[in-house]
C-alpha atoms as a PDB file:
ATOM      1  CA  ASP A   1     -95.542 170.557 -20.059  1.00  0.00           C
ATOM      2  CA  ASP A   2     -95.222 167.931 -17.350  1.00  0.00           C
ATOM      3  CA  PRO A   3     -91.863 166.156 -17.869  1.00  0.00           C
ATOM      4  CA  ALA A   4     -93.376 163.082 -16.224  1.00  0.00           C
ATOM      5  CA  LEU A   5     -95.549 162.606 -19.315  1.00  0.00           C
ATOM      6  CA  GLN A   6     -93.168 160.333 -21.209  1.00  0.00           C
ATOM      7  CA  THR A   7     -94.903 156.965 -21.267  1.00  0.00           C
ATOM      8  CA  GLY A   8     -98.246 155.703 -22.491  1.00  0.00           C
ATOM      9  CA  LYS A   9    -101.277 155.139 -20.308  1.00  0.00           C
ATOM     10  CA  HIS A  10    -101.099 151.333 -20.378  1.00  0.00           C
ATOM     11  CA  ARG A  11     -98.946 149.495 -17.866  1.00  0.00           C
ATOM     12  CA  MET A  12     -98.990 146.301 -15.815  1.00  0.00           C
ATOM     13  CA  VAL A  13     -98.368 146.480 -12.077  1.00  0.00           C
ATOM     14  CA  MET A  14     -97.013 143.387 -10.324  1.00  0.00           C
ATOM     15  CA  ASN A  15     -97.239 143.151  -6.551  1.00  0.00           C
ATOM     16  CA  LEU A  16     -94.412 140.890  -5.394  1.00  0.00           C
ATOM     17  CA  PRO A  17     -93.242 140.200  -1.812  1.00  0.00           C
ATOM     18  CA  GLY A  18     -91.497 143.391  -0.731  1.00  0.00           C
ATOM     19  CA  LEU A  19     -91.595 144.796  -4.263  1.00  0.00           C
ATOM     20  CA  VAL A  20     -94.065 146.570  -6.546  1.00  0.00           C
ATOM     21  CA  GLU A  21     -93.035 146.446 -10.194  1.00  0.00           C
ATOM     22  CA  SER A  22     -94.528 148.469 -13.026  1.00  0.00           C
ATOM     23  CA  ILE A  23     -94.058 147.234 -16.592  1.00  0.00           C
ATOM     24  CA  VAL A  24     -94.655 149.633 -19.470  1.00  0.00           C
ATOM     25  CA  PRO A  25     -95.195 147.845 -22.789  1.00  0.00           C
ATOM     26  CA  PHE A  26     -93.544 149.019 -26.000  1.00  0.00           C
ATOM     27  CA  VAL A  27     -95.685 151.505 -27.894  1.00  0.00           C
ATOM     28  CA  LYS A  28     -95.097 152.706 -31.442  1.00  0.00           C
ATOM     29  CA  PRO A  29     -93.981 156.363 -31.554  1.00  0.00           C
ATOM     30  CA  ARG A  30     -97.147 157.433 -33.359  1.00  0.00           C
ATOM     31  CA  ASP A  31     -99.384 155.705 -30.798  1.00  0.00           C
ATOM     32  CA  LEU A  32     -97.304 157.054 -27.896  1.00  0.00           C
ATOM     33  CA  LYS A  33     -97.654 160.585 -29.250  1.00  0.00           C
ATOM     34  CA  LYS A  34    -101.427 160.140 -29.410  1.00  0.00           C
ATOM     35  CA  GLN A  35    -101.607 158.747 -25.867  1.00  0.00           C
ATOM     36  CA  LEU A  36     -99.483 161.564 -24.425  1.00  0.00           C
ATOM     37  CA  ASN A  37    -101.658 164.149 -26.149  1.00  0.00           C
ATOM     38  CA  GLU A  38    -104.745 162.475 -24.672  1.00  0.00           C
ATOM     39  CA  GLN A  39    -103.231 162.483 -21.171  1.00  0.00           C
ATOM     40  CA  PHE A  40    -102.328 166.158 -21.549  1.00  0.00           C
ATOM     41  CA  ALA A  41    -105.853 167.027 -22.728  1.00  0.00           C
ATOM     42  CA  LEU A  42    -107.396 165.263 -19.728  1.00  0.00           C
ATOM     43  CA  LYS A  43    -105.055 167.026 -17.317  1.00  0.00           C
ATOM     44  CA  HIS A  44    -105.566 170.459 -18.891  1.00  0.00           C
ATOM     45  CA  GLN A  45    -109.181 170.556 -19.903  1.00  0.00           C
ATOM     46  CA  GLY A  46    -110.224 173.842 -21.443  1.00  0.00           C
ATOM     47  CA  MET A  47    -107.072 174.276 -23.498  1.00  0.00           C
ATOM     48  CA  PRO A  48    -107.682 175.742 -26.974  1.00  0.00           C
ATOM     49  CA  ARG A  49    -108.701 173.084 -29.453  1.00  0.00           C
ATOM     50  CA  GLY A  50    -105.774 171.769 -31.477  1.00  0.00           C
ATOM     51  CA  LEU A  51    -103.076 172.817 -29.010  1.00  0.00           C
ATOM     52  CA  THR A  52    -101.529 169.470 -28.107  1.00  0.00           C
ATOM     53  CA  LEU A  53     -98.597 168.480 -25.925  1.00  0.00           C
ATOM     54  CA  SER A  54     -96.628 167.399 -28.979  1.00  0.00           C
ATOM     55  CA  LYS A  55     -97.061 170.831 -30.582  1.00  0.00           C
ATOM     56  CA  ILE A  56     -95.998 172.587 -27.369  1.00  0.00           C
ATOM     57  CA  ARG A  57     -92.890 170.422 -27.059  1.00  0.00           C
ATOM     58  CA  ALA A  58     -92.033 170.842 -30.747  1.00  0.00           C
ATOM     59  CA  VAL A  59     -92.018 174.641 -30.546  1.00  0.00           C
ATOM     60  CA  LYS A  60     -89.945 174.518 -27.361  1.00  0.00           C
ATOM     61  CA  ARG A  61     -87.430 172.336 -29.218  1.00  0.00           C
ATOM     62  CA  ASP A  62     -87.337 175.023 -31.902  1.00  0.00           C
ATOM     63  CA  LEU A  63     -86.328 177.581 -29.280  1.00  0.00           C
ATOM     64  CA  LEU A  64     -83.519 175.324 -28.076  1.00  0.00           C
ATOM     65  CA  THR A  65     -82.362 174.841 -31.665  1.00  0.00           C
ATOM     66  CA  ILE A  66     -82.204 178.599 -32.185  1.00  0.00           C
ATOM     67  CA  GLY A  67     -80.434 179.172 -28.889  1.00  0.00           C
ATOM     68  CA  THR A  68     -77.885 176.444 -29.607  1.00  0.00           C
ATOM     69  CA  GLU A  69     -77.275 177.688 -33.135  1.00  0.00           C
ATOM     70  CA  LEU A  70     -76.539 181.213 -31.889  1.00  0.00           C
ATOM     71  CA  GLN A  71     -74.659 179.988 -28.801  1.00  0.00           C
ATOM     72  CA  CYS A  72     -77.047 181.850 -26.530  1.00  0.00           C
ATOM     73  CA  GLU A  73     -76.946 181.250 -22.815  1.00  0.00           C
ATOM     74  CA  LEU A  74     -78.981 178.144 -22.010  1.00  0.00           C
ATOM     75  CA  SER A  75     -80.616 180.151 -19.251  1.00  0.00           C
ATOM     76  CA  THR A  76     -82.098 182.469 -21.897  1.00  0.00           C
ATOM     77  CA  VAL A  77     -83.862 179.502 -23.508  1.00  0.00           C
ATOM     78  CA  ALA A  78     -85.036 178.400 -20.037  1.00  0.00           C
ATOM     79  CA  PHE A  79     -86.526 181.854 -19.435  1.00  0.00           C
ATOM     80  CA  ALA A  80     -88.294 181.675 -22.817  1.00  0.00           C
ATOM     81  CA  HIS A  81     -89.758 178.267 -21.930  1.00  0.00           C
ATOM     82  CA  VAL A  82     -91.142 179.626 -18.668  1.00  0.00           C
ATOM     83  CA  TYR A  83     -92.720 182.648 -20.383  1.00  0.00           C
ATOM     84  CA  PHE A  84     -94.218 180.431 -23.080  1.00  0.00           C
ATOM     85  CA  GLU A  85     -95.685 177.987 -20.563  1.00  0.00           C
ATOM     86  CA  LYS A  86     -97.198 180.877 -18.596  1.00  0.00           C
ATOM     87  CA  LEU A  87     -98.922 181.999 -21.798  1.00  0.00           C
ATOM     88  CA  VAL A  88    -100.136 178.438 -22.438  1.00  0.00           C
ATOM     89  CA  LEU A  89    -101.620 178.162 -18.941  1.00  0.00           C
ATOM     90  CA  ARG A  90    -103.345 181.526 -19.412  1.00  0.00           C
ATOM     91  CA  LYS A  91    -104.869 180.153 -22.632  1.00  0.00           C
ATOM     92  CA  VAL A  92    -103.237 182.864 -24.721  1.00  0.00           C
ATOM     93  CA  VAL A  93    -101.533 180.287 -26.956  1.00  0.00           C
ATOM     94  CA  ASN A  94    -103.465 178.351 -29.581  1.00  0.00           C
ATOM     95  CA  LYS A  95    -102.563 176.200 -32.550  1.00  0.00           C
ATOM     96  CA  PRO A  96    -102.292 179.030 -35.123  1.00  0.00           C
ATOM     97  CA  ASN A  97    -100.288 181.456 -32.957  1.00  0.00           C
ATOM     98  CA  ARG A  98     -98.062 179.051 -30.985  1.00  0.00           C
ATOM     99  CA  LYS A  99     -94.911 179.821 -32.994  1.00  0.00           C
ATOM    100  CA  LEU A 100     -95.468 183.562 -32.739  1.00  0.00           C
ATOM    101  CA  MET A 101     -95.948 183.330 -28.952  1.00  0.00           C
ATOM    102  CA  ALA A 102     -92.809 181.193 -28.616  1.00  0.00           C
ATOM    103  CA  ALA A 103     -90.786 183.601 -30.778  1.00  0.00           C
ATOM    104  CA  VAL A 104     -91.868 186.618 -28.726  1.00  0.00           C
ATOM    105  CA  SER A 105     -91.127 184.715 -25.514  1.00  0.00           C
ATOM    106  CA  MET A 106     -87.583 184.143 -26.759  1.00  0.00           C
ATOM    107  CA  LEU A 107     -87.139 187.821 -27.617  1.00  0.00           C
ATOM    108  CA  LEU A 108     -88.341 188.927 -24.191  1.00  0.00           C
ATOM    109  CA  ALA A 109     -86.105 186.349 -22.510  1.00  0.00           C
ATOM    110  CA  ALA A 110     -83.113 187.699 -24.410  1.00  0.00           C
ATOM    111  CA  LYS A 111     -83.960 191.296 -23.530  1.00  0.00           C
ATOM    112  CA  TRP A 112     -84.077 190.371 -19.861  1.00  0.00           C
ATOM    113  CA  ASN A 113     -81.279 187.841 -19.589  1.00  0.00           C
ATOM    114  CA  GLU A 114     -78.932 188.370 -22.540  1.00  0.00           C
ATOM    115  CA  PRO A 115     -79.570 191.655 -24.398  1.00  0.00           C
ATOM    116  CA  GLN A 116     -76.311 191.418 -26.334  1.00  0.00           C
ATOM    117  CA  SER A 117     -77.740 188.459 -28.277  1.00  0.00           C
ATOM    118  CA  LEU A 118     -80.662 190.423 -29.765  1.00  0.00           C
ATOM    119  CA  ARG A 119     -78.815 191.606 -32.865  1.00  0.00           C
ATOM    120  CA  SER A 120     -78.337 188.046 -34.137  1.00  0.00           C
ATOM    121  CA  LEU A 121     -81.409 186.560 -32.469  1.00  0.00           C
ATOM    122  CA  LEU A 122     -84.046 188.689 -34.153  1.00  0.00           C
ATOM    123  CA  PRO A 123     -83.182 187.843 -37.797  1.00  0.00           C
ATOM    124  CA  THR A 124     -82.722 184.165 -36.901  1.00  0.00           C
ATOM    125  CA  ILE A 125     -86.163 183.971 -35.295  1.00  0.00           C
ATOM    126  CA  GLU A 126     -87.627 185.821 -38.272  1.00  0.00           C
ATOM    127  CA  VAL A 127     -86.256 183.222 -40.689  1.00  0.00           C
ATOM    128  CA  HIS A 128     -86.765 180.119 -38.533  1.00  0.00           C
ATOM    129  CA  PHE A 129     -90.442 180.783 -37.771  1.00  0.00           C
ATOM    130  CA  ALA A 130     -91.190 182.703 -41.003  1.00  0.00           C
ATOM    131  CA  ILE A 131     -92.627 185.562 -38.978  1.00  0.00           C
ATOM    132  CA  PRO A 132     -91.996 189.139 -40.188  1.00  0.00           C
ATOM    133  CA  LYS A 133     -90.155 191.430 -37.824  1.00  0.00           C
ATOM    134  CA  ALA A 134     -93.092 193.847 -37.797  1.00  0.00           C
ATOM    135  CA  VAL A 135     -95.434 191.117 -36.519  1.00  0.00           C
ATOM    136  CA  LEU A 136     -92.977 190.213 -33.759  1.00  0.00           C
ATOM    137  CA  PHE A 137     -92.761 193.838 -32.629  1.00  0.00           C
ATOM    138  CA  ARG A 138     -96.550 194.263 -32.776  1.00  0.00           C
ATOM    139  CA  SER A 139     -97.094 191.193 -30.603  1.00  0.00           C
ATOM    140  CA  GLU A 140     -94.387 191.946 -28.072  1.00  0.00           C
ATOM    141  CA  PHE A 141     -96.335 194.384 -25.921  1.00  0.00           C
ATOM    142  CA  SER A 142     -99.469 192.204 -25.775  1.00  0.00           C
ATOM    143  CA  VAL A 143     -97.355 189.276 -24.562  1.00  0.00           C
ATOM    144  CA  TYR A 144     -95.704 191.552 -22.015  1.00  0.00           C
ATOM    145  CA  VAL A 145     -99.183 192.473 -20.773  1.00  0.00           C
ATOM    146  CA  GLU A 146    -100.140 188.801 -20.457  1.00  0.00           C
ATOM    147  CA  LEU A 147     -96.994 188.278 -18.368  1.00  0.00           C
ATOM    148  CA  SER A 148     -98.289 190.987 -15.995  1.00  0.00           C
ATOM    149  CA  PHE A 149     -95.595 193.458 -17.086  1.00  0.00           C
ATOM    150  CA  SER A 150     -92.967 191.389 -15.313  1.00  0.00           C
ATOM    151  CA  LEU A 151     -90.128 189.364 -16.771  1.00  0.00           C
ATOM    152  CA  GLN A 152     -88.683 188.655 -13.330  1.00  0.00           C
ATOM    153  CA  LEU A 153     -88.721 184.968 -12.400  1.00  0.00           C
ATOM    154  CA  GLU A 154     -87.955 183.059  -9.236  1.00  0.00           C
ATOM    155  CA  PRO A 155     -85.135 180.489  -9.219  1.00  0.00           C
ATOM    156  CA  HIS A 156     -87.528 177.585  -8.718  1.00  0.00           C
ATOM    157  CA  GLU A 157     -89.373 178.578 -11.902  1.00  0.00           C
ATOM    158  CA  VAL A 158     -86.281 178.584 -14.115  1.00  0.00           C
ATOM    159  CA  TYR A 159     -84.009 175.891 -12.714  1.00  0.00           C
ATOM    160  CA  PRO A 160     -86.131 172.833 -13.694  1.00  0.00           C
ATOM    161  CA  HIS A 161     -86.200 174.045 -17.301  1.00  0.00           C
ATOM    162  CA  PHE A 162     -82.468 174.717 -17.191  1.00  0.00           C
ATOM    163  CA  LEU A 163     -81.844 171.122 -16.050  1.00  0.00           C
ATOM    164  CA  ARG A 164     -84.147 169.634 -18.697  1.00  0.00           C
ATOM    165  CA  LEU A 165     -82.384 171.579 -21.436  1.00  0.00           C
ATOM    166  CA  LEU A 166     -79.031 170.304 -20.205  1.00  0.00           C
ATOM    167  CA  GLN A 167     -80.399 166.752 -20.304  1.00  0.00           C
ATOM    168  CA  VAL A 168     -81.457 167.232 -23.923  1.00  0.00           C
ATOM    169  CA  LEU A 169     -77.931 168.405 -24.726  1.00  0.00           C
ATOM    170  CA  GLU A 170     -76.498 165.524 -22.667  1.00  0.00           C
ATOM    171  CA  ARG A 171     -74.562 167.838 -20.400  1.00  0.00           C
ATOM    172  CA  THR A 172     -74.474 168.355 -16.638  1.00  0.00           C
ATOM    173  CA  PRO A 173     -74.668 171.669 -14.771  1.00  0.00           C
ATOM    174  CA  GLN A 174     -71.093 171.099 -13.630  1.00  0.00           C
ATOM    175  CA  GLU A 175     -69.908 170.727 -17.236  1.00  0.00           C
ATOM    176  CA  TYR A 176     -71.800 173.798 -18.366  1.00  0.00           C
ATOM    177  CA  LEU A 177     -70.858 176.106 -15.495  1.00  0.00           C
ATOM    178  CA  GLY A 178     -67.665 174.561 -14.165  1.00  0.00           C
ATOM    179  CA  GLU A 179     -67.520 172.640 -10.887  1.00  0.00           C
ATOM    180  CA  ALA A 180     -66.325 175.429  -8.599  1.00  0.00           C
ATOM    181  CA  HIS A 181     -68.752 177.988  -9.935  1.00  0.00           C
ATOM    182  CA  PHE A 182     -71.575 175.472 -10.055  1.00  0.00           C
ATOM    183  CA  GLN A 183     -71.314 175.299  -6.264  1.00  0.00           C
ATOM    184  CA  ALA A 184     -71.489 179.096  -6.063  1.00  0.00           C
ATOM    185  CA  TYR A 185     -74.480 178.998  -8.409  1.00  0.00           C
ATOM    186  CA  GLN A 186     -76.225 176.431  -6.221  1.00  0.00           C
ATOM    187  CA  ALA A 187     -75.758 178.543  -3.120  1.00  0.00           C
ATOM    188  CA  GLN A 188     -76.828 181.789  -4.793  1.00  0.00           C
ATOM    189  CA  PHE A 189     -79.746 180.732  -6.970  1.00  0.00           C
ATOM    190  CA  VAL A 190     -81.114 177.282  -6.167  1.00  0.00           C
ATOM    191  CA  SER A 191     -81.554 177.704  -2.419  1.00  0.00           C
ATOM    192  CA  THR A 192     -84.664 179.871  -2.412  1.00  0.00           C
ATOM    193  CA  SER A 193     -84.621 179.972   1.369  1.00  0.00           C
ATOM    194  CA  HIS A 194     -81.653 182.346   1.124  1.00  0.00           C
ATOM    195  CA  HIS A 195     -83.202 184.478  -1.612  1.00  0.00           C
ATOM    196  CA  ASP A 196     -85.012 187.623  -0.438  1.00  0.00           C
ATOM    197  CA  GLU A 197     -88.558 187.855  -1.686  1.00  0.00           C
ATOM    198  CA  GLY A 198     -88.155 191.210  -3.402  1.00  0.00           C
ATOM    199  CA  ASP A 199     -84.899 190.502  -5.193  1.00  0.00           C
ATOM    200  CA  SER A 200     -84.718 190.293  -8.962  1.00  0.00           C
ATOM    201  CA  PHE A 201     -83.347 187.145 -10.506  1.00  0.00           C
ATOM    202  CA  ALA A 202     -81.450 186.388 -13.665  1.00  0.00           C
ATOM    203  CA  MET A 203     -79.609 183.173 -14.370  1.00  0.00           C
ATOM    204  CA  PRO A 204     -75.867 183.773 -14.301  1.00  0.00           C
ATOM    205  CA  PRO A 205     -74.108 183.778 -17.658  1.00  0.00           C
ATOM    206  CA  ARG A 206     -71.141 181.609 -18.468  1.00  0.00           C
ATOM    207  CA  VAL A 207     -67.877 183.485 -18.664  1.00  0.00           C
ATOM    208  CA  GLU A 208     -65.440 181.714 -20.926  1.00  0.00           C
ATOM    209  CA  MET A 209     -61.981 181.390 -19.449  1.00  0.00           C
ATOM    210  CA  GLY A 210     -59.570 178.879 -20.937  1.00  0.00           C
ATOM    211  CA  GLU A 211     -61.260 175.500 -21.267  1.00  0.00           C
ATOM    212  CA  GLY A 212     -63.609 175.976 -18.328  1.00  0.00           C
ATOM    213  CA  THR A 213     -66.703 178.037 -17.833  1.00  0.00           C
ATOM    214  CA  LEU A 214     -67.236 180.404 -14.962  1.00  0.00           C
ATOM    215  CA  VAL A 215     -70.386 181.933 -13.617  1.00  0.00           C
ATOM    216  CA  ALA A 216     -70.753 185.544 -12.638  1.00  0.00           C
ATOM    217  CA  VAL A 217     -72.453 185.771  -9.246  1.00  0.00           C
ATOM    218  CA  PRO A 218     -74.419 188.969  -8.542  1.00  0.00           C
ATOM    219  CA  ASP A 219     -73.457 191.186  -5.668  1.00  0.00           C
ATOM    220  CA  SER A 220     -75.134 191.077  -2.268  1.00  0.00           C
ATOM    221  CA  SER A 221     -77.614 193.749  -3.315  1.00  0.00           C
ATOM    222  CA  GLY A 222     -79.374 191.203  -5.490  1.00  0.00           C
ATOM    223  CA  GLY A 223     -78.349 192.736  -8.792  1.00  0.00           C
ATOM    224  CA  ARG A 224     -77.997 190.679 -11.936  1.00  0.00           C
ATOM    225  CA  GLY A 225     -74.752 188.942 -12.784  1.00  0.00           C
ATOM    226  CA  SER A 226     -72.571 190.368 -15.483  1.00  0.00           C
ATOM    227  CA  GLY A 227     -69.893 188.806 -17.604  1.00  0.00           C
END
């Protein structure tokens, strides 16, 4: 899901003295959707038939809706998006099973990043996607296998999704985490040059305190943050 795919394929480029200007004409939403799906298909040839960019983005919006409704950590939704996109790239996801794969991705993300949310998350996913709990449990291990038995992610894999989700919610990282603890977050998680290769990674949870939000920073051993 390339975030750069937002405009249609038609544009006019004007070469002016000291300036190159690109003009994108207005395109009706239906036509734009078709053009973006075509661009995605050309870029990712070999994808299962019927799995379009619009369908991928729609199911990812569903995950954000669920996470927002249950007040889950935004990082949990970001983890789910990464897992789901890994499954898409491995051609495990197709048109009929896309919602099931997204639902299982969200469950695994919660187990890794926010296990306390599972009690409310599971019935909500079951209702939202109309997928029985038994089917979710049956599919969980096969998805885990496709993810190479590893739910650990590197900061550079999660952070772009985290930022995009904040943009959708019209919030900034500073607003979500709190200015002081955003700086600590930047130093601990975003700078991969200071992150040891073997360390595990989990996005830090918000810790509510008064009107602000704080972030729990893991200890120097590389352990996960706790609230």
